[in-house]
Amino acid sequence: MKKAGRYTIADKVRILMEYLNSEDTMETIQTKYGMGHCTLTRWMTTFGISNMTREQIREMKLSLETVPEKSSREIALEAKVAQLEKELKAERVKSLAYSTMIEAAEEELGIDLRKKSGAKQ
């Protein structure tokens, strides 16, 4: 299961499902598999379930049981898409903040701070 300190996606999903379907604590599961203290939390964040309670996760699982099972690759790709969408949103906010800051500085200082297109570098 564990190879050079890494778990496969299938292993991660299986261990997460074991944790979510049992009454065991995170610490118990992490000790059982020899993981660090925040591994399960990080995996839950990766799979987009970190802000959900166990009950919400169980309800979601029950509703998904009628849907054909997805492969671990599909689950991993969906988690990656969700993570990238979250990062994109953060970068858009950051970009807007930078633009606003530059506009305020240009207005306050009365100089053009933006690079001109075609300017020599």
PDB file of N, CA and C in Angstrom:
ATOM      1  N   MET A   1       0.832  -1.202   0.000  1.00  0.00           N
ATOM      2  CA  MET A   1       0.000   0.000   0.000  1.00  0.00           C
ATOM      3  C   MET A   1       0.868   1.254   0.000  1.00  0.00           C
ATOM      4  N   LYS A   2       1.790   1.377   0.953  1.00  0.00           N
ATOM      5  CA  LYS A   2       2.596   2.585   1.064  1.00  0.00           C
ATOM      6  C   LYS A   2       3.927   2.358   0.366  1.00  0.00           C
ATOM      7  N   LYS A   3       4.278   3.259  -0.541  1.00  0.00           N
ATOM      8  CA  LYS A   3       5.517   3.138  -1.287  1.00  0.00           C
ATOM      9  C   LYS A   3       6.315   4.417  -1.133  1.00  0.00           C
ATOM     10  N   ALA A   4       7.490   4.305  -0.554  1.00  0.00           N
ATOM     11  CA  ALA A   4       8.402   5.448  -0.397  1.00  0.00           C
ATOM     12  C   ALA A   4       7.709   6.660   0.204  1.00  0.00           C
ATOM     13  N   GLY A   5       6.863   6.432   1.225  1.00  0.00           N
ATOM     14  CA  GLY A   5       6.224   7.545   1.910  1.00  0.00           C
ATOM     15  C   GLY A   5       5.028   8.121   1.195  1.00  0.00           C
ATOM     16  N   ARG A   6       4.561   7.466   0.133  1.00  0.00           N
ATOM     17  CA  ARG A   6       3.424   7.995  -0.626  1.00  0.00           C
ATOM     18  C   ARG A   6       2.325   6.954  -0.710  1.00  0.00           C
ATOM     19  N   TYR A   7       1.110   7.433  -0.675  1.00  0.00           N
ATOM     20  CA  TYR A   7      -0.048   6.568  -0.833  1.00  0.00           C
ATOM     21  C   TYR A   7      -0.653   6.815  -2.212  1.00  0.00           C
ATOM     22  N   THR A   8      -1.187   5.763  -2.806  1.00  0.00           N
ATOM     23  CA  THR A   8      -1.872   5.932  -4.081  1.00  0.00           C
ATOM     24  C   THR A   8      -3.218   6.617  -3.823  1.00  0.00           C
ATOM     25  N   ILE A   9      -3.827   7.130  -4.872  1.00  0.00           N
ATOM     26  CA  ILE A   9      -5.142   7.754  -4.741  1.00  0.00           C
ATOM     27  C   ILE A   9      -6.144   6.752  -4.188  1.00  0.00           C
ATOM     28  N   ALA A  10      -6.083   5.525  -4.689  1.00  0.00           N
ATOM     29  CA  ALA A  10      -7.004   4.488  -4.217  1.00  0.00           C
ATOM     30  C   ALA A  10      -6.811   4.232  -2.723  1.00  0.00           C
ATOM     31  N   ASP A  11      -5.554   4.207  -2.266  1.00  0.00           N
ATOM     32  CA  ASP A  11      -5.285   4.014  -0.834  1.00  0.00           C
ATOM     33  C   ASP A  11      -5.856   5.171  -0.019  1.00  0.00           C
ATOM     34  N   LYS A  12      -5.656   6.387  -0.508  1.00  0.00           N
ATOM     35  CA  LYS A  12      -6.161   7.560   0.206  1.00  0.00           C
ATOM     36  C   LYS A  12      -7.680   7.506   0.337  1.00  0.00           C
ATOM     37  N   VAL A  13      -8.339   7.189  -0.772  1.00  0.00           N
ATOM     38  CA  VAL A  13      -9.804   7.115  -0.756  1.00  0.00           C
ATOM     39  C   VAL A  13     -10.256   6.024   0.210  1.00  0.00           C
ATOM     40  N   ARG A  14      -9.604   4.852   0.153  1.00  0.00           N
ATOM     41  CA  ARG A  14      -9.983   3.740   1.026  1.00  0.00           C
ATOM     42  C   ARG A  14      -9.800   4.105   2.499  1.00  0.00           C
ATOM     43  N   ILE A  15      -8.666   4.727   2.833  1.00  0.00           N
ATOM     44  CA  ILE A  15      -8.398   5.100   4.228  1.00  0.00           C
ATOM     45  C   ILE A  15      -9.363   6.192   4.682  1.00  0.00           C
ATOM     46  N   LEU A  16      -9.619   7.181   3.819  1.00  0.00           N
ATOM     47  CA  LEU A  16     -10.591   8.222   4.170  1.00  0.00           C
ATOM     48  C   LEU A  16     -11.974   7.627   4.402  1.00  0.00           C
ATOM     49  N   MET A  17     -12.384   6.702   3.544  1.00  0.00           N
ATOM     50  CA  MET A  17     -13.694   6.071   3.711  1.00  0.00           C
ATOM     51  C   MET A  17     -13.740   5.261   5.004  1.00  0.00           C
ATOM     52  N   GLU A  18     -12.638   4.607   5.330  1.00  0.00           N
ATOM     53  CA  GLU A  18     -12.583   3.875   6.606  1.00  0.00           C
ATOM     54  C   GLU A  18     -12.785   4.836   7.776  1.00  0.00           C
ATOM     55  N   TYR A  19     -12.096   5.967   7.730  1.00  0.00           N
ATOM     56  CA  TYR A  19     -12.237   6.962   8.795  1.00  0.00           C
ATOM     57  C   TYR A  19     -13.669   7.494   8.861  1.00  0.00           C
ATOM     58  N   LEU A  20     -14.231   7.853   7.710  1.00  0.00           N
ATOM     59  CA  LEU A  20     -15.546   8.480   7.675  1.00  0.00           C
ATOM     60  C   LEU A  20     -16.669   7.506   8.037  1.00  0.00           C
ATOM     61  N   ASN A  21     -16.473   6.224   7.763  1.00  0.00           N
ATOM     62  CA  ASN A  21     -17.506   5.237   8.047  1.00  0.00           C
ATOM     63  C   ASN A  21     -17.383   4.601   9.419  1.00  0.00           C
ATOM     64  N   SER A  22     -16.321   4.914  10.121  1.00  0.00           N
ATOM     65  CA  SER A  22     -16.146   4.334  11.455  1.00  0.00           C
ATOM     66  C   SER A  22     -16.328   5.424  12.505  1.00  0.00           C
ATOM     67  N   GLU A  23     -16.300   5.010  13.726  1.00  0.00           N
ATOM     68  CA  GLU A  23     -16.373   5.958  14.828  1.00  0.00           C
ATOM     69  C   GLU A  23     -14.976   6.278  15.360  1.00  0.00           C
ATOM     70  N   ASP A  24     -13.948   5.746  14.676  1.00  0.00           N
ATOM     71  CA  ASP A  24     -12.570   6.001  15.092  1.00  0.00           C
ATOM     72  C   ASP A  24     -12.218   7.470  14.920  1.00  0.00           C
ATOM     73  N   THR A  25     -11.313   7.935  15.754  1.00  0.00           N
ATOM     74  CA  THR A  25     -10.836   9.310  15.636  1.00  0.00           C
ATOM     75  C   THR A  25      -9.772   9.383  14.557  1.00  0.00           C
ATOM     76  N   MET A  26      -9.463  10.599  14.126  1.00  0.00           N
ATOM     77  CA  MET A  26      -8.387  10.789  13.157  1.00  0.00           C
ATOM     78  C   MET A  26      -7.078  10.232  13.702  1.00  0.00           C
ATOM     79  N   GLU A  27      -6.840  10.509  14.974  1.00  0.00           N
ATOM     80  CA  GLU A  27      -5.602  10.065  15.597  1.00  0.00           C
ATOM     81  C   GLU A  27      -5.475   8.541  15.544  1.00  0.00           C
ATOM     82  N   THR A  28      -6.584   7.836  15.772  1.00  0.00           N
ATOM     83  CA  THR A  28      -6.571   6.377  15.747  1.00  0.00           C
ATOM     84  C   THR A  28      -6.211   5.863  14.356  1.00  0.00           C
ATOM     85  N   ILE A  29      -6.853   6.413  13.338  1.00  0.00           N
ATOM     86  CA  ILE A  29      -6.590   5.985  11.955  1.00  0.00           C
ATOM     87  C   ILE A  29      -5.158   6.326  11.551  1.00  0.00           C
ATOM     88  N   GLN A  30      -4.715   7.527  11.890  1.00  0.00           N
ATOM     89  CA  GLN A  30      -3.363   7.953  11.522  1.00  0.00           C
ATOM     90  C   GLN A  30      -2.315   7.082  12.207  1.00  0.00           C
ATOM     91  N   THR A  31      -2.558   6.714  13.460  1.00  0.00           N
ATOM     92  CA  THR A  31      -1.642   5.828  14.169  1.00  0.00           C
ATOM     93  C   THR A  31      -1.646   4.446  13.528  1.00  0.00           C
ATOM     94  N   LYS A  32      -2.823   3.962  13.189  1.00  0.00           N
ATOM     95  CA  LYS A  32      -2.972   2.637  12.569  1.00  0.00           C
ATOM     96  C   LYS A  32      -2.147   2.528  11.297  1.00  0.00           C
ATOM     97  N   TYR A  33      -2.108   3.603  10.486  1.00  0.00           N
ATOM     98  CA  TYR A  33      -1.404   3.575   9.212  1.00  0.00           C
ATOM     99  C   TYR A  33      -0.043   4.271   9.259  1.00  0.00           C
ATOM    100  N   GLY A  34       0.391   4.686  10.442  1.00  0.00           N
ATOM    101  CA  GLY A  34       1.705   5.306  10.589  1.00  0.00           C
ATOM    102  C   GLY A  34       1.841   6.636   9.886  1.00  0.00           C
ATOM    103  N   MET A  35       0.786   7.441   9.935  1.00  0.00           N
ATOM    104  CA  MET A  35       0.775   8.743   9.257  1.00  0.00           C
ATOM    105  C   MET A  35       1.132   9.861  10.221  1.00  0.00           C
ATOM    106  N   GLY A  36       1.434  11.010   9.638  1.00  0.00           N
ATOM    107  CA  GLY A  36       1.650  12.209  10.430  1.00  0.00           C
ATOM    108  C   GLY A  36       0.334  12.715  10.992  1.00  0.00           C
ATOM    109  N   HIS A  37       0.407  13.665  11.904  1.00  0.00           N
ATOM    110  CA  HIS A  37      -0.784  14.114  12.626  1.00  0.00           C
ATOM    111  C   HIS A  37      -1.778  14.915  11.784  1.00  0.00           C
ATOM    112  N   CYS A  38      -1.381  15.404  10.622  1.00  0.00           N
ATOM    113  CA  CYS A  38      -2.321  16.196   9.822  1.00  0.00           C
ATOM    114  C   CYS A  38      -2.602  15.585   8.445  1.00  0.00           C
ATOM    115  N   THR A  39      -2.181  14.348   8.252  1.00  0.00           N
ATOM    116  CA  THR A  39      -2.321  13.717   6.938  1.00  0.00           C
ATOM    117  C   THR A  39      -3.779  13.596   6.504  1.00  0.00           C
ATOM    118  N   LEU A  40      -4.637  13.061   7.373  1.00  0.00           N
ATOM    119  CA  LEU A  40      -6.049  12.900   7.003  1.00  0.00           C
ATOM    120  C   LEU A  40      -6.702  14.244   6.716  1.00  0.00           C
ATOM    121  N   THR A  41      -6.388  15.239   7.507  1.00  0.00           N
ATOM    122  CA  THR A  41      -6.951  16.570   7.280  1.00  0.00           C
ATOM    123  C   THR A  41      -6.530  17.102   5.920  1.00  0.00           C
ATOM    124  N   ARG A  42      -5.266  16.908   5.570  1.00  0.00           N
ATOM    125  CA  ARG A  42      -4.763  17.376   4.271  1.00  0.00           C
ATOM    126  C   ARG A  42      -5.464  16.630   3.132  1.00  0.00           C
ATOM    127  N   TRP A  43      -5.634  15.322   3.289  1.00  0.00           N
ATOM    128  CA  TRP A  43      -6.323  14.549   2.256  1.00  0.00           C
ATOM    129  C   TRP A  43      -7.773  15.007   2.113  1.00  0.00           C
ATOM    130  N   MET A  44      -8.431  15.287   3.231  1.00  0.00           N
ATOM    131  CA  MET A  44      -9.820  15.740   3.175  1.00  0.00           C
ATOM    132  C   MET A  44      -9.906  17.068   2.430  1.00  0.00           C
ATOM    133  N   THR A  45      -8.940  17.942   2.655  1.00  0.00           N
ATOM    134  CA  THR A  45      -8.900  19.213   1.943  1.00  0.00           C
ATOM    135  C   THR A  45      -8.692  18.967   0.452  1.00  0.00           C
ATOM    136  N   THR A  46      -7.786  18.076   0.120  1.00  0.00           N
ATOM    137  CA  THR A  46      -7.517  17.746  -1.279  1.00  0.00           C
ATOM    138  C   THR A  46      -8.767  17.236  -1.987  1.00  0.00           C
ATOM    139  N   PHE A  47      -9.536  16.404  -1.290  1.00  0.00           N
ATOM    140  CA  PHE A  47     -10.739  15.833  -1.881  1.00  0.00           C
ATOM    141  C   PHE A  47     -11.971  16.710  -1.683  1.00  0.00           C
ATOM    142  N   GLY A  48     -11.791  17.885  -1.101  1.00  0.00           N
ATOM    143  CA  GLY A  48     -12.882  18.847  -0.978  1.00  0.00           C
ATOM    144  C   GLY A  48     -13.917  18.512   0.076  1.00  0.00           C
ATOM    145  N   ILE A  49     -13.532  17.778   1.118  1.00  0.00           N
ATOM    146  CA  ILE A  49     -14.499  17.420   2.148  1.00  0.00           C
ATOM    147  C   ILE A  49     -14.072  17.912   3.531  1.00  0.00           C
ATOM    148  N   SER A  50     -13.139  18.848   3.575  1.00  0.00           N
ATOM    149  CA  SER A  50     -12.595  19.266   4.861  1.00  0.00           C
ATOM    150  C   SER A  50     -13.574  20.061   5.718  1.00  0.00           C
ATOM    151  N   ASN A  51     -14.517  20.749   5.105  1.00  0.00           N
ATOM    152  CA  ASN A  51     -15.436  21.578   5.878  1.00  0.00           C
ATOM    153  C   ASN A  51     -16.757  20.878   6.173  1.00  0.00           C
ATOM    154  N   MET A  52     -16.820  19.596   5.886  1.00  0.00           N
ATOM    155  CA  MET A  52     -18.060  18.852   6.084  1.00  0.00           C
ATOM    156  C   MET A  52     -17.983  18.035   7.367  1.00  0.00           C
ATOM    157  N   THR A  53     -19.118  17.878   8.029  1.00  0.00           N
ATOM    158  CA  THR A  53     -19.169  17.017   9.202  1.00  0.00           C
ATOM    159  C   THR A  53     -19.286  15.578   8.749  1.00  0.00           C
ATOM    160  N   ARG A  54     -19.026  14.656   9.653  1.00  0.00           N
ATOM    161  CA  ARG A  54     -19.162  13.235   9.296  1.00  0.00           C
ATOM    162  C   ARG A  54     -20.580  12.929   8.821  1.00  0.00           C
ATOM    163  N   GLU A  55     -21.568  13.537   9.459  1.00  0.00           N
ATOM    164  CA  GLU A  55     -22.955  13.283   9.081  1.00  0.00           C
ATOM    165  C   GLU A  55     -23.237  13.767   7.658  1.00  0.00           C
ATOM    166  N   GLN A  56     -22.728  14.953   7.303  1.00  0.00           N
ATOM    167  CA  GLN A  56     -22.906  15.472   5.947  1.00  0.00           C
ATOM    168  C   GLN A  56     -22.229  14.559   4.929  1.00  0.00           C
ATOM    169  N   ILE A  57     -21.074  14.056   5.287  1.00  0.00           N
ATOM    170  CA  ILE A  57     -20.344  13.170   4.391  1.00  0.00           C
ATOM    171  C   ILE A  57     -21.110  11.866   4.204  1.00  0.00           C
ATOM    172  N   ARG A  58     -21.665  11.323   5.278  1.00  0.00           N
ATOM    173  CA  ARG A  58     -22.445  10.091   5.181  1.00  0.00           C
ATOM    174  C   ARG A  58     -23.681  10.297   4.316  1.00  0.00           C
ATOM    175  N   GLU A  59     -24.341  11.455   4.473  1.00  0.00           N
ATOM    176  CA  GLU A  59     -25.513  11.756   3.638  1.00  0.00           C
ATOM    177  C   GLU A  59     -25.115  11.851   2.170  1.00  0.00           C
ATOM    178  N   MET A  60     -23.987  12.504   1.914  1.00  0.00           N
ATOM    179  CA  MET A  60     -23.497  12.627   0.551  1.00  0.00           C
ATOM    180  C   MET A  60     -23.179  11.237  -0.008  1.00  0.00           C
ATOM    181  N   LYS A  61     -22.551  10.398   0.810  1.00  0.00           N
ATOM    182  CA  LYS A  61     -22.209   9.048   0.370  1.00  0.00           C
ATOM    183  C   LYS A  61     -23.466   8.257   0.020  1.00  0.00           C
ATOM    184  N   LEU A  62     -24.501   8.373   0.850  1.00  0.00           N
ATOM    185  CA  LEU A  62     -25.743   7.663   0.577  1.00  0.00           C
ATOM    186  C   LEU A  62     -26.366   8.122  -0.736  1.00  0.00           C
ATOM    187  N   SER A  63     -26.324   9.430  -0.997  1.00  0.00           N
ATOM    188  CA  SER A  63     -26.901   9.937  -2.243  1.00  0.00           C
ATOM    189  C   SER A  63     -26.066   9.517  -3.449  1.00  0.00           C
ATOM    190  N   LEU A  64     -24.768   9.299  -3.248  1.00  0.00           N
ATOM    191  CA  LEU A  64     -23.894   8.906  -4.350  1.00  0.00           C
ATOM    192  C   LEU A  64     -23.939   7.407  -4.629  1.00  0.00           C
ATOM    193  N   GLU A  65     -24.492   6.645  -3.707  1.00  0.00           N
ATOM    194  CA  GLU A  65     -24.537   5.199  -3.907  1.00  0.00           C
ATOM    195  C   GLU A  65     -25.404   4.810  -5.099  1.00  0.00           C
ATOM    196  N   THR A  66     -26.338   5.661  -5.471  1.00  0.00           N
ATOM    197  CA  THR A  66     -27.177   5.371  -6.631  1.00  0.00           C
ATOM    198  C   THR A  66     -26.488   5.757  -7.940  1.00  0.00           C
ATOM    199  N   VAL A  67     -25.427   6.544  -7.841  1.00  0.00           N
ATOM    200  CA  VAL A  67     -24.667   6.970  -9.013  1.00  0.00           C
ATOM    201  C   VAL A  67     -23.583   5.927  -9.276  1.00  0.00           C
ATOM    202  N   PRO A  68     -23.297   5.617 -10.537  1.00  0.00           N
ATOM    203  CA  PRO A  68     -22.229   4.656 -10.820  1.00  0.00           C
ATOM    204  C   PRO A  68     -20.923   5.098 -10.158  1.00  0.00           C
ATOM    205  N   GLU A  69     -20.203   4.124  -9.638  1.00  0.00           N
ATOM    206  CA  GLU A  69     -18.969   4.423  -8.905  1.00  0.00           C
ATOM    207  C   GLU A  69     -17.915   5.008  -9.843  1.00  0.00           C
ATOM    208  N   LYS A  70     -17.242   6.030  -9.358  1.00  0.00           N
ATOM    209  CA  LYS A  70     -16.195   6.668 -10.144  1.00  0.00           C
ATOM    210  C   LYS A  70     -14.866   6.015  -9.813  1.00  0.00           C
ATOM    211  N   SER A  71     -13.993   6.021 -10.776  1.00  0.00           N
ATOM    212  CA  SER A  71     -12.666   5.466 -10.538  1.00  0.00           C
ATOM    213  C   SER A  71     -11.879   6.434  -9.659  1.00  0.00           C
ATOM    214  N   SER A  72     -10.830   5.912  -9.053  1.00  0.00           N
ATOM    215  CA  SER A  72      -9.998   6.766  -8.203  1.00  0.00           C
ATOM    216  C   SER A  72      -9.362   7.877  -9.026  1.00  0.00           C
ATOM    217  N   ARG A  73      -9.097   7.606 -10.301  1.00  0.00           N
ATOM    218  CA  ARG A  73      -8.534   8.642 -11.181  1.00  0.00           C
ATOM    219  C   ARG A  73      -9.537   9.773 -11.382  1.00  0.00           C
ATOM    220  N   GLU A  74     -10.811   9.423 -11.612  1.00  0.00           N
ATOM    221  CA  GLU A  74     -11.846  10.451 -11.781  1.00  0.00           C
ATOM    222  C   GLU A  74     -12.001  11.275 -10.504  1.00  0.00           C
ATOM    223  N   ILE A  75     -11.981  10.609  -9.372  1.00  0.00           N
ATOM    224  CA  ILE A  75     -12.098  11.308  -8.090  1.00  0.00           C
ATOM    225  C   ILE A  75     -10.922  12.258  -7.915  1.00  0.00           C
ATOM    226  N   ALA A  76      -9.727  11.774  -8.218  1.00  0.00           N
ATOM    227  CA  ALA A  76      -8.531  12.613  -8.081  1.00  0.00           C
ATOM    228  C   ALA A  76      -8.590  13.814  -9.021  1.00  0.00           C
ATOM    229  N   LEU A  77      -9.037  13.577 -10.257  1.00  0.00           N
ATOM    230  CA  LEU A  77      -9.129  14.681 -11.226  1.00  0.00           C
ATOM    231  C   LEU A  77     -10.160  15.716 -10.795  1.00  0.00           C
ATOM    232  N   GLU A  78     -11.303  15.256 -10.274  1.00  0.00           N
ATOM    233  CA  GLU A  78     -12.323  16.192  -9.793  1.00  0.00           C
ATOM    234  C   GLU A  78     -11.797  17.000  -8.616  1.00  0.00           C
ATOM    235  N   ALA A  79     -11.057  16.350  -7.723  1.00  0.00           N
ATOM    236  CA  ALA A  79     -10.468  17.057  -6.589  1.00  0.00           C
ATOM    237  C   ALA A  79      -9.455  18.089  -7.081  1.00  0.00           C
ATOM    238  N   LYS A  80      -8.672  17.720  -8.079  1.00  0.00           N
ATOM    239  CA  LYS A  80      -7.674  18.639  -8.630  1.00  0.00           C
ATOM    240  C   LYS A  80      -8.351  19.838  -9.295  1.00  0.00           C
ATOM    241  N   VAL A  81      -9.426  19.591 -10.050  1.00  0.00           N
ATOM    242  CA  VAL A  81     -10.172  20.677 -10.687  1.00  0.00           C
ATOM    243  C   VAL A  81     -10.718  21.630  -9.630  1.00  0.00           C
ATOM    244  N   ALA A  82     -11.294  21.065  -8.571  1.00  0.00           N
ATOM    245  CA  ALA A  82     -11.834  21.908  -7.498  1.00  0.00           C
ATOM    246  C   ALA A  82     -10.733  22.746  -6.865  1.00  0.00           C
ATOM    247  N   GLN A  83      -9.569  22.133  -6.626  1.00  0.00           N
ATOM    248  CA  GLN A  83      -8.442  22.860  -6.038  1.00  0.00           C
ATOM    249  C   GLN A  83      -7.967  23.959  -6.982  1.00  0.00           C
ATOM    250  N   LEU A  84      -7.864  23.666  -8.276  1.00  0.00           N
ATOM    251  CA  LEU A  84      -7.416  24.669  -9.250  1.00  0.00           C
ATOM    252  C   LEU A  84      -8.412  25.816  -9.377  1.00  0.00           C
ATOM    253  N   GLU A  85      -9.706  25.506  -9.321  1.00  0.00           N
ATOM    254  CA  GLU A  85     -10.720  26.566  -9.361  1.00  0.00           C
ATOM    255  C   GLU A  85     -10.596  27.469  -8.142  1.00  0.00           C
ATOM    256  N   LYS A  86     -10.323  26.880  -6.991  1.00  0.00           N
ATOM    257  CA  LYS A  86     -10.142  27.660  -5.764  1.00  0.00           C
ATOM    258  C   LYS A  86      -8.912  28.561  -5.896  1.00  0.00           C
ATOM    259  N   GLU A  87      -7.811  28.003  -6.429  1.00  0.00           N
ATOM    260  CA  GLU A  87      -6.593  28.786  -6.615  1.00  0.00           C
ATOM    261  C   GLU A  87      -6.800  29.899  -7.635  1.00  0.00           C
ATOM    262  N   LEU A  88      -7.531  29.615  -8.712  1.00  0.00           N
ATOM    263  CA  LEU A  88      -7.815  30.625  -9.726  1.00  0.00           C
ATOM    264  C   LEU A  88      -8.596  31.784  -9.118  1.00  0.00           C
ATOM    265  N   LYS A  89      -9.586  31.473  -8.307  1.00  0.00           N
ATOM    266  CA  LYS A  89     -10.375  32.516  -7.663  1.00  0.00           C
ATOM    267  C   LYS A  89      -9.488  33.388  -6.777  1.00  0.00           C
ATOM    268  N   ALA A  90      -8.589  32.756  -6.024  1.00  0.00           N
ATOM    269  CA  ALA A  90      -7.678  33.505  -5.159  1.00  0.00           C
ATOM    270  C   ALA A  90      -6.752  34.393  -5.985  1.00  0.00           C
ATOM    271  N   GLU A  91      -6.256  33.881  -7.102  1.00  0.00           N
ATOM    272  CA  GLU A  91      -5.370  34.673  -7.961  1.00  0.00           C
ATOM    273  C   GLU A  91      -6.100  35.844  -8.601  1.00  0.00           C
ATOM    274  N   ARG A  92      -7.373  35.663  -8.941  1.00  0.00           N
ATOM    275  CA  ARG A  92      -8.151  36.773  -9.505  1.00  0.00           C
ATOM    276  C   ARG A  92      -8.323  37.888  -8.478  1.00  0.00           C
ATOM    277  N   VAL A  93      -8.574  37.497  -7.236  1.00  0.00           N
ATOM    278  CA  VAL A  93      -8.701  38.497  -6.163  1.00  0.00           C
ATOM    279  C   VAL A  93      -7.374  39.212  -5.972  1.00  0.00           C
ATOM    280  N   LYS A  94      -6.284  38.448  -5.993  1.00  0.00           N
ATOM    281  CA  LYS A  94      -4.953  39.020  -5.830  1.00  0.00           C
ATOM    282  C   LYS A  94      -4.652  39.998  -6.969  1.00  0.00           C
ATOM    283  N   SER A  95      -4.978  39.623  -8.195  1.00  0.00           N
ATOM    284  CA  SER A  95      -4.748  40.467  -9.356  1.00  0.00           C
ATOM    285  C   SER A  95      -5.538  41.771  -9.258  1.00  0.00           C
ATOM    286  N   LEU A  96      -6.785  41.657  -8.830  1.00  0.00           N
ATOM    287  CA  LEU A  96      -7.610  42.849  -8.653  1.00  0.00           C
ATOM    288  C   LEU A  96      -7.017  43.768  -7.587  1.00  0.00           C
ATOM    289  N   ALA A  97      -6.517  43.174  -6.510  1.00  0.00           N
ATOM    290  CA  ALA A  97      -5.900  43.969  -5.440  1.00  0.00           C
ATOM    291  C   ALA A  97      -4.658  44.699  -5.963  1.00  0.00           C
ATOM    292  N   TYR A  98      -3.828  43.987  -6.742  1.00  0.00           N
ATOM    293  CA  TYR A  98      -2.636  44.622  -7.306  1.00  0.00           C
ATOM    294  C   TYR A  98      -3.013  45.766  -8.246  1.00  0.00           C
ATOM    295  N   SER A  99      -3.991  45.550  -9.103  1.00  0.00           N
ATOM    296  CA  SER A  99      -4.413  46.595 -10.039  1.00  0.00           C
ATOM    297  C   SER A  99      -4.933  47.816  -9.293  1.00  0.00           C
ATOM    298  N   THR A 100      -5.730  47.562  -8.269  1.00  0.00           N
ATOM    299  CA  THR A 100      -6.265  48.662  -7.467  1.00  0.00           C
ATOM    300  C   THR A 100      -5.143  49.422  -6.776  1.00  0.00           C
ATOM    301  N   MET A 101      -4.158  48.696  -6.263  1.00  0.00           N
ATOM    302  CA  MET A 101      -3.032  49.320  -5.575  1.00  0.00           C
ATOM    303  C   MET A 101      -2.221  50.171  -6.557  1.00  0.00           C
ATOM    304  N   ILE A 102      -1.998  49.669  -7.764  1.00  0.00           N
ATOM    305  CA  ILE A 102      -1.245  50.428  -8.769  1.00  0.00           C
ATOM    306  C   ILE A 102      -2.008  51.677  -9.177  1.00  0.00           C
ATOM    307  N   GLU A 103      -3.310  51.549  -9.397  1.00  0.00           N
ATOM    308  CA  GLU A 103      -4.124  52.707  -9.770  1.00  0.00           C
ATOM    309  C   GLU A 103      -4.093  53.776  -8.682  1.00  0.00           C
ATOM    310  N   ALA A 104      -4.186  53.350  -7.413  1.00  0.00           N
ATOM    311  CA  ALA A 104      -4.148  54.305  -6.304  1.00  0.00           C
ATOM    312  C   ALA A 104      -2.787  54.995  -6.243  1.00  0.00           C
ATOM    313  N   ALA A 105      -1.718  54.233  -6.440  1.00  0.00           N
ATOM    314  CA  ALA A 105      -0.374  54.809  -6.400  1.00  0.00           C
ATOM    315  C   ALA A 105      -0.169  55.780  -7.565  1.00  0.00           C
ATOM    316  N   GLU A 106      -0.643  55.418  -8.751  1.00  0.00           N
ATOM    317  CA  GLU A 106      -0.520  56.314  -9.907  1.00  0.00           C
ATOM    318  C   GLU A 106      -1.264  57.614  -9.666  1.00  0.00           C
ATOM    319  N   GLU A 107      -2.457  57.494  -9.114  1.00  0.00           N
ATOM    320  CA  GLU A 107      -3.274  58.678  -8.856  1.00  0.00           C
ATOM    321  C   GLU A 107      -2.622  59.554  -7.780  1.00  0.00           C
ATOM    322  N   GLU A 108      -2.129  58.930  -6.724  1.00  0.00           N
ATOM    323  CA  GLU A 108      -1.544  59.688  -5.615  1.00  0.00           C
ATOM    324  C   GLU A 108      -0.209  60.317  -5.997  1.00  0.00           C
ATOM    325  N   LEU A 109       0.626  59.566  -6.739  1.00  0.00           N
ATOM    326  CA  LEU A 109       1.952  60.059  -7.090  1.00  0.00           C
ATOM    327  C   LEU A 109       1.974  60.841  -8.398  1.00  0.00           C
ATOM    328  N   GLY A 110       0.934  60.674  -9.200  1.00  0.00           N
ATOM    329  CA  GLY A 110       0.854  61.392 -10.461  1.00  0.00           C
ATOM    330  C   GLY A 110       1.833  60.886 -11.511  1.00  0.00           C
ATOM    331  N   ILE A 111       2.255  59.641 -11.392  1.00  0.00           N
ATOM    332  CA  ILE A 111       3.157  59.065 -12.396  1.00  0.00           C
ATOM    333  C   ILE A 111       2.567  57.752 -12.907  1.00  0.00           C
ATOM    334  N   ASP A 112       3.016  57.365 -14.120  1.00  0.00           N
ATOM    335  CA  ASP A 112       2.529  56.136 -14.725  1.00  0.00           C
ATOM    336  C   ASP A 112       3.444  54.987 -14.315  1.00  0.00           C
ATOM    337  N   LEU A 113       2.919  54.037 -13.557  1.00  0.00           N
ATOM    338  CA  LEU A 113       3.720  52.915 -13.078  1.00  0.00           C
ATOM    339  C   LEU A 113       3.634  51.683 -13.976  1.00  0.00           C
ATOM    340  N   ARG A 114       2.642  51.621 -14.805  1.00  0.00           N
ATOM    341  CA  ARG A 114       2.456  50.433 -15.656  1.00  0.00           C
ATOM    342  C   ARG A 114       3.446  50.462 -16.808  1.00  0.00           C
ATOM    343  N   LYS A 115       3.890  49.268 -17.158  1.00  0.00           N
ATOM    344  CA  LYS A 115       4.850  49.123 -18.267  1.00  0.00           C
ATOM    345  C   LYS A 115       4.120  49.389 -19.587  1.00  0.00           C
ATOM    346  N   LYS A 116       4.754  50.143 -20.443  1.00  0.00           N
ATOM    347  CA  LYS A 116       4.193  50.438 -21.741  1.00  0.00           C
ATOM    348  C   LYS A 116       4.388  49.227 -22.666  1.00  0.00           C
ATOM    349  N   SER A 117       3.402  48.937 -23.472  1.00  0.00           N
ATOM    350  CA  SER A 117       3.562  47.804 -24.400  1.00  0.00           C
ATOM    351  C   SER A 117       4.606  48.181 -25.440  1.00  0.00           C
ATOM    352  N   GLY A 118       5.459  47.238 -25.763  1.00  0.00           N
ATOM    353  CA  GLY A 118       6.498  47.459 -26.760  1.00  0.00           C
ATOM    354  C   GLY A 118       7.714  48.190 -26.207  1.00  0.00           C
ATOM    355  N   ALA A 119       7.730  48.480 -24.924  1.00  0.00           N
ATOM    356  CA  ALA A 119       8.866  49.189 -24.338  1.00  0.00           C
ATOM    357  C   ALA A 119      10.060  48.241 -24.254  1.00  0.00           C
ATOM    358  N   LYS A 120      11.261  48.808 -24.385  1.00  0.00           N
ATOM    359  CA  LYS A 120      12.475  48.009 -24.280  1.00  0.00           C
ATOM    360  C   LYS A 120      12.667  47.590 -22.835  1.00  0.00           C
ATOM    361  N   GLN A 121      13.217  46.412 -22.689  1.00  0.00           N
ATOM    362  CA  GLN A 121      13.447  45.910 -21.321  1.00  0.00           C
ATOM    363  C   GLN A 121      14.872  46.052 -20.927  1.00  0.00           C
TER     364      GLN A 121
END
